[in-house]
């Protein structure tokens, strides 16, 4: 496994643990369809949450949250519609979150950004 892939898997596991500690129930991880992949789908009470995880080993390429621009946000929204079509989950509201995981010499820093896009 490539180092980048291993770092991404590590970050997604850290994100799942963070979301569960915050009371969210994880429904799906790494859901794939021909158009792409959703990192995490969770439920926060009546809210269905589609979560993008960005993991970095440093800040050389900027803050991990900066990697979720307009194009990425639009793609996640389109994938969310695909996920909804493939599953039977009633949700009063949808939310799009970002979890950033920064793993560097200063230790591990995790941020959950609800409604980030």
C-alpha atoms as a PDB file:
ATOM      1  CA  UNK A   1       0.000   0.000   0.000  1.00  0.00           C
ATOM      2  CA  UNK A   2       1.311   3.461  -0.879  1.00  0.00           C
ATOM      3  CA  UNK A   3       2.153   5.804   2.007  1.00  0.00           C
ATOM      4  CA  UNK A   4      -0.471   8.298   0.810  1.00  0.00           C
ATOM      5  CA  UNK A   5      -3.170   5.598   0.787  1.00  0.00           C
ATOM      6  CA  UNK A   6      -2.178   4.379   4.257  1.00  0.00           C
ATOM      7  CA  UNK A   7      -2.308   7.952   5.582  1.00  0.00           C
ATOM      8  CA  UNK A   8      -5.773   8.384   4.065  1.00  0.00           C
ATOM      9  CA  UNK A   9      -7.074   5.178   5.637  1.00  0.00           C
ATOM     10  CA  UNK A  10      -5.602   6.217   8.987  1.00  0.00           C
ATOM     11  CA  UNK A  11      -7.309   9.611   8.706  1.00  0.00           C
ATOM     12  CA  UNK A  12     -10.664   8.079   7.861  1.00  0.00           C
ATOM     13  CA  UNK A  13     -10.477   5.777  10.889  1.00  0.00           C
ATOM     14  CA  UNK A  14      -9.591   8.737  13.133  1.00  0.00           C
ATOM     15  CA  UNK A  15     -12.505  10.688  11.624  1.00  0.00           C
ATOM     16  CA  UNK A  16     -14.964   7.845  12.272  1.00  0.00           C
ATOM     17  CA  UNK A  17     -13.842   7.656  15.899  1.00  0.00           C
ATOM     18  CA  UNK A  18     -14.198  11.443  16.271  1.00  0.00           C
ATOM     19  CA  UNK A  19     -17.697  11.454  14.775  1.00  0.00           C
ATOM     20  CA  UNK A  20     -18.824   8.539  16.954  1.00  0.00           C
ATOM     21  CA  UNK A  21     -17.498  10.295  20.077  1.00  0.00           C
ATOM     22  CA  UNK A  22     -19.574  13.305  19.027  1.00  0.00           C
ATOM     23  CA  UNK A  23     -22.673  11.074  18.946  1.00  0.00           C
ATOM     24  CA  UNK A  24     -23.033  10.477  15.222  1.00  0.00           C
ATOM     25  CA  UNK A  25     -23.902   7.001  13.965  1.00  0.00           C
ATOM     26  CA  UNK A  26     -21.801   5.926  10.994  1.00  0.00           C
ATOM     27  CA  UNK A  27     -23.955   4.296   8.317  1.00  0.00           C
ATOM     28  CA  UNK A  28     -21.435   3.805   5.536  1.00  0.00           C
ATOM     29  CA  UNK A  29     -17.706   4.160   4.830  1.00  0.00           C
ATOM     30  CA  UNK A  30     -15.939   4.414   1.500  1.00  0.00           C
ATOM     31  CA  UNK A  31     -19.171   4.015  -0.459  1.00  0.00           C
ATOM     32  CA  UNK A  32     -18.385   3.787  -4.151  1.00  0.00           C
ATOM     33  CA  UNK A  33     -20.307   4.179  -7.363  1.00  0.00           C
ATOM     34  CA  UNK A  34     -19.080   4.771 -10.929  1.00  0.00           C
ATOM     35  CA  UNK A  35     -18.900   8.539 -10.297  1.00  0.00           C
ATOM     36  CA  UNK A  36     -16.686   8.356  -7.212  1.00  0.00           C
ATOM     37  CA  UNK A  37     -16.540   7.670  -3.501  1.00  0.00           C
ATOM     38  CA  UNK A  38     -18.066   9.080  -0.324  1.00  0.00           C
ATOM     39  CA  UNK A  39     -15.729   8.856   2.665  1.00  0.00           C
ATOM     40  CA  UNK A  40     -18.320   8.679   5.454  1.00  0.00           C
ATOM     41  CA  UNK A  41     -22.113   8.759   5.630  1.00  0.00           C
ATOM     42  CA  UNK A  42     -23.508   9.208   9.136  1.00  0.00           C
ATOM     43  CA  UNK A  43     -26.641  10.165  11.004  1.00  0.00           C
ATOM     44  CA  UNK A  44     -26.714  13.002  13.525  1.00  0.00           C
ATOM     45  CA  UNK A  45     -30.183  12.615  15.008  1.00  0.00           C
ATOM     46  CA  UNK A  46     -32.576  13.328  12.123  1.00  0.00           C
ATOM     47  CA  UNK A  47     -29.787  14.789   9.973  1.00  0.00           C
ATOM     48  CA  UNK A  48     -28.032  12.700   7.339  1.00  0.00           C
ATOM     49  CA  UNK A  49     -24.369  13.743   7.165  1.00  0.00           C
ATOM     50  CA  UNK A  50     -22.058  13.269   4.190  1.00  0.00           C
ATOM     51  CA  UNK A  51     -18.525  13.742   5.413  1.00  0.00           C
ATOM     52  CA  UNK A  52     -15.369  14.374   3.412  1.00  0.00           C
ATOM     53  CA  UNK A  53     -12.134  13.492   5.219  1.00  0.00           C
ATOM     54  CA  UNK A  54      -8.862  15.236   4.417  1.00  0.00           C
ATOM     55  CA  UNK A  55      -5.664  13.954   6.003  1.00  0.00           C
ATOM     56  CA  UNK A  56      -2.236  15.533   5.787  1.00  0.00           C
ATOM     57  CA  UNK A  57       1.138  14.860   7.355  1.00  0.00           C
ATOM     58  CA  UNK A  58       2.013  18.552   7.377  1.00  0.00           C
ATOM     59  CA  UNK A  59       0.962  21.993   6.230  1.00  0.00           C
ATOM     60  CA  UNK A  60       3.278  22.246   3.211  1.00  0.00           C
ATOM     61  CA  UNK A  61       0.245  22.077   0.902  1.00  0.00           C
ATOM     62  CA  UNK A  62      -1.967  24.224   3.149  1.00  0.00           C
ATOM     63  CA  UNK A  63      -4.645  23.383   5.657  1.00  0.00           C
ATOM     64  CA  UNK A  64      -6.388  20.094   4.834  1.00  0.00           C
ATOM     65  CA  UNK A  65      -9.797  21.824   4.710  1.00  0.00           C
ATOM     66  CA  UNK A  66      -8.568  23.984   1.824  1.00  0.00           C
ATOM     67  CA  UNK A  67      -8.552  20.855  -0.351  1.00  0.00           C
ATOM     68  CA  UNK A  68     -12.368  20.879  -0.356  1.00  0.00           C
ATOM     69  CA  UNK A  69     -13.088  23.527  -2.948  1.00  0.00           C
ATOM     70  CA  UNK A  70     -16.146  24.177  -5.080  1.00  0.00           C
ATOM     71  CA  UNK A  71     -15.472  21.300  -7.454  1.00  0.00           C
ATOM     72  CA  UNK A  72     -14.971  18.754  -4.653  1.00  0.00           C
ATOM     73  CA  UNK A  73     -18.020  20.023  -2.757  1.00  0.00           C
ATOM     74  CA  UNK A  74     -20.148  19.718  -5.901  1.00  0.00           C
ATOM     75  CA  UNK A  75     -18.909  16.197  -6.498  1.00  0.00           C
ATOM     76  CA  UNK A  76     -19.740  15.128  -2.929  1.00  0.00           C
ATOM     77  CA  UNK A  77     -23.239  16.603  -3.303  1.00  0.00           C
ATOM     78  CA  UNK A  78     -23.799  14.653  -6.541  1.00  0.00           C
ATOM     79  CA  UNK A  79     -22.530  11.470  -4.885  1.00  0.00           C
ATOM     80  CA  UNK A  80     -24.873  12.095  -1.946  1.00  0.00           C
ATOM     81  CA  UNK A  81     -27.809  12.056  -4.360  1.00  0.00           C
ATOM     82  CA  UNK A  82     -26.550   8.739  -5.749  1.00  0.00           C
ATOM     83  CA  UNK A  83     -26.219   7.347  -2.214  1.00  0.00           C
ATOM     84  CA  UNK A  84     -29.762   8.462  -1.353  1.00  0.00           C
ATOM     85  CA  UNK A  85     -31.094   6.793  -4.511  1.00  0.00           C
ATOM     86  CA  UNK A  86     -29.354   3.539  -3.565  1.00  0.00           C
ATOM     87  CA  UNK A  87     -30.469   3.469   0.086  1.00  0.00           C
ATOM     88  CA  UNK A  88     -33.724   3.787   1.960  1.00  0.00           C
ATOM     89  CA  UNK A  89     -32.981   6.377   4.613  1.00  0.00           C
ATOM     90  CA  UNK A  90     -35.471   9.056   5.479  1.00  0.00           C
ATOM     91  CA  UNK A  91     -33.750  12.256   6.484  1.00  0.00           C
ATOM     92  CA  UNK A  92     -35.328  15.512   7.493  1.00  0.00           C
ATOM     93  CA  UNK A  93     -32.154  17.369   6.616  1.00  0.00           C
ATOM     94  CA  UNK A  94     -28.846  16.801   4.825  1.00  0.00           C
ATOM     95  CA  UNK A  95     -25.527  18.218   5.981  1.00  0.00           C
ATOM     96  CA  UNK A  96     -22.097  18.235   4.378  1.00  0.00           C
ATOM     97  CA  UNK A  97     -19.178  18.135   6.811  1.00  0.00           C
ATOM     98  CA  UNK A  98     -15.422  18.042   6.576  1.00  0.00           C
ATOM     99  CA  UNK A  99     -13.121  16.302   9.047  1.00  0.00           C
ATOM    100  CA  UNK A 100      -9.474  17.268   8.862  1.00  0.00           C
ATOM    101  CA  UNK A 101      -6.727  15.128  10.308  1.00  0.00           C
ATOM    102  CA  UNK A 102      -3.252  16.586  10.620  1.00  0.00           C
ATOM    103  CA  UNK A 103      -0.611  14.069  11.637  1.00  0.00           C
ATOM    104  CA  UNK A 104       2.751  15.705  12.049  1.00  0.00           C
ATOM    105  CA  UNK A 105       5.635  16.227  14.395  1.00  0.00           C
ATOM    106  CA  UNK A 106       3.314  18.138  16.744  1.00  0.00           C
ATOM    107  CA  UNK A 107       1.097  15.098  17.200  1.00  0.00           C
ATOM    108  CA  UNK A 108      -2.409  14.507  15.927  1.00  0.00           C
ATOM    109  CA  UNK A 109      -4.897  17.327  15.367  1.00  0.00           C
ATOM    110  CA  UNK A 110      -8.474  16.525  14.351  1.00  0.00           C
ATOM    111  CA  UNK A 111     -11.132  19.095  13.442  1.00  0.00           C
ATOM    112  CA  UNK A 112     -14.787  18.409  12.646  1.00  0.00           C
ATOM    113  CA  UNK A 113     -16.315  21.185  10.545  1.00  0.00           C
ATOM    114  CA  UNK A 114     -20.105  20.627  10.452  1.00  0.00           C
ATOM    115  CA  UNK A 115     -21.866  22.191   7.482  1.00  0.00           C
ATOM    116  CA  UNK A 116     -18.549  23.134   5.888  1.00  0.00           C
ATOM    117  CA  UNK A 117     -20.044  23.140   2.384  1.00  0.00           C
END
